[in-house]
Amino acid sequence: QVQSVEESGGGLVQVGGSLRLSCSASGSIDSVYAMGWYRQAPGSQREPVAVIVRGGGTHLANSVTGRFTISRDNANNTLVLQMNSLQPEDTAKYYCRATSVGNTYWGHGTQVTLSS
């Protein structure tokens, strides 16, 4: 059973580059209904980026469709966000969220910064 999640993989990347974010769960994610990535830029509210549900269905924000891919590896209790063609507006702190029945877990976030 998941008790916490932790993000990794952020960093400084050039415009047009790629990054792969990972979210490791403390326990099995088999029963986790939905997992997702959210981001928050300075002065802005946290917004959803990509969500994947247990059956594999995904939803991506319009701003990242065609550039980002979300996937979950149940065997390794990991959520992945592959980010390609990164743009300056993708600069933000990225958070992982796991939602089970009655519980929601947030990570502490990982910073993604774009440089021109």
C-alpha atoms as a PDB file:
ATOM      1  CA  GLN A   1       0.000   0.000   0.000  1.00  0.00           C
ATOM      2  CA  VAL A   2       1.338   3.417  -0.963  1.00  0.00           C
ATOM      3  CA  GLN A   3       2.246   5.731   1.906  1.00  0.00           C
ATOM      4  CA  SER A   4       4.391   8.233   0.022  1.00  0.00           C
ATOM      5  CA  VAL A   5       5.690   9.167  -3.414  1.00  0.00           C
ATOM      6  CA  GLU A   6       8.952  10.792  -4.401  1.00  0.00           C
ATOM      7  CA  GLU A   7       9.899  12.518  -7.634  1.00  0.00           C
ATOM      8  CA  SER A   8      13.262  12.545  -9.374  1.00  0.00           C
ATOM      9  CA  GLY A   9      14.750  13.503 -12.710  1.00  0.00           C
ATOM     10  CA  GLY A  10      14.319  17.266 -12.822  1.00  0.00           C
ATOM     11  CA  GLY A  11      17.075  19.637 -13.815  1.00  0.00           C
ATOM     12  CA  LEU A  12      18.249  22.331 -16.177  1.00  0.00           C
ATOM     13  CA  VAL A  13      17.650  21.638 -19.858  1.00  0.00           C
ATOM     14  CA  GLN A  14      17.911  23.623 -23.060  1.00  0.00           C
ATOM     15  CA  VAL A  15      14.857  24.609 -25.048  1.00  0.00           C
ATOM     16  CA  GLY A  16      13.969  21.770 -27.376  1.00  0.00           C
ATOM     17  CA  GLY A  17      15.565  19.187 -25.130  1.00  0.00           C
ATOM     18  CA  SER A  18      14.112  16.254 -23.215  1.00  0.00           C
ATOM     19  CA  LEU A  19      13.795  15.127 -19.618  1.00  0.00           C
ATOM     20  CA  ARG A  20      12.403  12.033 -17.993  1.00  0.00           C
ATOM     21  CA  LEU A  21      10.764  12.423 -14.613  1.00  0.00           C
ATOM     22  CA  SER A  22      10.173   9.458 -12.340  1.00  0.00           C
ATOM     23  CA  CYS A  23       7.901   9.063  -9.362  1.00  0.00           C
ATOM     24  CA  SER A  24       8.646   6.200  -7.010  1.00  0.00           C
ATOM     25  CA  ALA A  25       5.898   4.956  -4.714  1.00  0.00           C
ATOM     26  CA  SER A  26       6.623   3.481  -1.295  1.00  0.00           C
ATOM     27  CA  GLY A  27       4.392   0.490  -1.956  1.00  0.00           C
ATOM     28  CA  SER A  28       2.410  -1.297  -4.578  1.00  0.00           C
ATOM     29  CA  ILE A  29       0.542   0.942  -6.985  1.00  0.00           C
ATOM     30  CA  ASP A  30      -1.686  -1.880  -8.200  1.00  0.00           C
ATOM     31  CA  SER A  31      -4.605  -0.521  -6.215  1.00  0.00           C
ATOM     32  CA  VAL A  32      -3.877   3.143  -6.909  1.00  0.00           C
ATOM     33  CA  TYR A  33      -6.727   4.415  -9.036  1.00  0.00           C
ATOM     34  CA  ALA A  34      -4.979   7.372 -10.604  1.00  0.00           C
ATOM     35  CA  MET A  35      -1.492   8.776 -10.731  1.00  0.00           C
ATOM     36  CA  GLY A  36      -0.546  12.045 -12.240  1.00  0.00           C
ATOM     37  CA  TRP A  37       1.907  14.833 -12.762  1.00  0.00           C
ATOM     38  CA  TYR A  38       1.139  18.410 -11.838  1.00  0.00           C
ATOM     39  CA  ARG A  39       3.278  21.497 -12.113  1.00  0.00           C
ATOM     40  CA  GLN A  40       3.470  24.895 -10.517  1.00  0.00           C
ATOM     41  CA  ALA A  41       5.348  27.855 -11.904  1.00  0.00           C
ATOM     42  CA  PRO A  42       6.247  30.852  -9.705  1.00  0.00           C
ATOM     43  CA  GLY A  43       3.204  33.052  -9.182  1.00  0.00           C
ATOM     44  CA  SER A  44       0.867  30.497 -10.702  1.00  0.00           C
ATOM     45  CA  GLN A  45      -1.470  27.852  -9.394  1.00  0.00           C
ATOM     46  CA  ARG A  46      -0.637  24.187  -9.541  1.00  0.00           C
ATOM     47  CA  GLU A  47      -2.032  22.681 -12.726  1.00  0.00           C
ATOM     48  CA  PRO A  48      -2.485  19.145 -14.010  1.00  0.00           C
ATOM     49  CA  VAL A  49      -0.066  18.030 -16.699  1.00  0.00           C
ATOM     50  CA  ALA A  50      -0.836  14.352 -17.244  1.00  0.00           C
ATOM     51  CA  VAL A  51      -2.889  11.687 -15.510  1.00  0.00           C
ATOM     52  CA  ILE A  52      -3.040   7.931 -15.951  1.00  0.00           C
ATOM     53  CA  VAL A  53      -5.649   5.673 -14.395  1.00  0.00           C
ATOM     54  CA  ARG A  54      -5.349   2.056 -13.353  1.00  0.00           C
ATOM     55  CA  GLY A  55      -6.750   0.715 -16.608  1.00  0.00           C
ATOM     56  CA  GLY A  56      -4.143   2.624 -18.583  1.00  0.00           C
ATOM     57  CA  GLY A  57      -6.250   5.489 -19.838  1.00  0.00           C
ATOM     58  CA  THR A  58      -4.419   8.791 -19.985  1.00  0.00           C
ATOM     59  CA  HIS A  59      -5.243  12.467 -20.133  1.00  0.00           C
ATOM     60  CA  LEU A  60      -2.758  15.164 -21.025  1.00  0.00           C
ATOM     61  CA  ALA A  61      -3.105  18.902 -20.820  1.00  0.00           C
ATOM     62  CA  ASN A  62      -3.492  20.580 -24.194  1.00  0.00           C
ATOM     63  CA  SER A  63      -0.236  22.440 -23.702  1.00  0.00           C
ATOM     64  CA  VAL A  64       1.799  19.221 -23.543  1.00  0.00           C
ATOM     65  CA  THR A  65      -0.114  16.930 -25.893  1.00  0.00           C
ATOM     66  CA  GLY A  66       2.222  15.600 -28.544  1.00  0.00           C
ATOM     67  CA  ARG A  67       5.295  16.389 -26.462  1.00  0.00           C
ATOM     68  CA  PHE A  68       4.833  14.592 -23.138  1.00  0.00           C
ATOM     69  CA  THR A  69       4.017  10.961 -22.444  1.00  0.00           C
ATOM     70  CA  ILE A  70       2.873   9.495 -19.140  1.00  0.00           C
ATOM     71  CA  SER A  71       3.262   5.843 -18.220  1.00  0.00           C
ATOM     72  CA  ARG A  72       3.080   3.686 -15.119  1.00  0.00           C
ATOM     73  CA  ASP A  73       5.178   0.638 -14.316  1.00  0.00           C
ATOM     74  CA  ASN A  74       3.173  -1.355 -11.816  1.00  0.00           C
ATOM     75  CA  ALA A  75       5.905  -3.960 -11.448  1.00  0.00           C
ATOM     76  CA  ASN A  76       8.329  -1.312 -10.185  1.00  0.00           C
ATOM     77  CA  ASN A  77       5.767   0.977  -8.537  1.00  0.00           C
ATOM     78  CA  THR A  78       6.898   3.854 -10.711  1.00  0.00           C
ATOM     79  CA  LEU A  79       5.243   6.627 -12.663  1.00  0.00           C
ATOM     80  CA  VAL A  80       7.154   8.195 -15.548  1.00  0.00           C
ATOM     81  CA  LEU A  81       6.737  11.441 -17.443  1.00  0.00           C
ATOM     82  CA  GLN A  82       8.730  11.628 -20.654  1.00  0.00           C
ATOM     83  CA  MET A  83       9.033  15.242 -21.732  1.00  0.00           C
ATOM     84  CA  ASN A  84      10.236  16.111 -25.225  1.00  0.00           C
ATOM     85  CA  SER A  85      10.523  19.366 -27.148  1.00  0.00           C
ATOM     86  CA  LEU A  86      10.635  21.303 -23.917  1.00  0.00           C
ATOM     87  CA  GLN A  87       9.713  24.964 -24.062  1.00  0.00           C
ATOM     88  CA  PRO A  88      10.373  27.887 -21.704  1.00  0.00           C
ATOM     89  CA  GLU A  89       6.787  27.737 -20.462  1.00  0.00           C
ATOM     90  CA  ASP A  90       7.455  24.228 -19.160  1.00  0.00           C
ATOM     91  CA  THR A  91       9.654  25.697 -16.431  1.00  0.00           C
ATOM     92  CA  ALA A  92       8.005  24.741 -13.146  1.00  0.00           C
ATOM     93  CA  LYS A  93       8.184  22.487 -10.164  1.00  0.00           C
ATOM     94  CA  TYR A  94       6.677  19.138 -11.084  1.00  0.00           C
ATOM     95  CA  TYR A  95       4.736  17.121  -8.539  1.00  0.00           C
ATOM     96  CA  CYS A  96       3.604  13.524  -8.502  1.00  0.00           C
ATOM     97  CA  ARG A  97       0.215  12.599  -7.085  1.00  0.00           C
ATOM     98  CA  ALA A  98      -1.210   9.194  -6.309  1.00  0.00           C
ATOM     99  CA  THR A  99      -4.902   8.749  -5.573  1.00  0.00           C
ATOM    100  CA  SER A 100      -6.411   5.700  -3.915  1.00  0.00           C
ATOM    101  CA  VAL A 101      -9.827   5.308  -2.339  1.00  0.00           C
ATOM    102  CA  GLY A 102      -9.834   7.789   0.524  1.00  0.00           C
ATOM    103  CA  ASN A 103      -6.214   8.831   0.199  1.00  0.00           C
ATOM    104  CA  THR A 104      -4.157  11.203  -1.886  1.00  0.00           C
ATOM    105  CA  TYR A 105      -0.384  11.413  -1.719  1.00  0.00           C
ATOM    106  CA  TRP A 106       1.782  14.224  -3.046  1.00  0.00           C
ATOM    107  CA  GLY A 107       5.517  14.262  -3.496  1.00  0.00           C
ATOM    108  CA  HIS A 108       7.720  17.233  -2.647  1.00  0.00           C
ATOM    109  CA  GLY A 109       8.335  18.044  -6.291  1.00  0.00           C
ATOM    110  CA  THR A 110      11.262  18.223  -8.673  1.00  0.00           C
ATOM    111  CA  GLN A 111      12.327  21.408 -10.425  1.00  0.00           C
ATOM    112  CA  VAL A 112      12.463  21.642 -14.214  1.00  0.00           C
ATOM    113  CA  THR A 113      14.134  24.743 -15.609  1.00  0.00           C
ATOM    114  CA  LEU A 114      14.495  25.621 -19.268  1.00  0.00           C
ATOM    115  CA  SER A 115      17.439  27.631 -20.564  1.00  0.00           C
ATOM    116  CA  SER A 116      17.648  29.274 -23.948  1.00  0.00           C
END
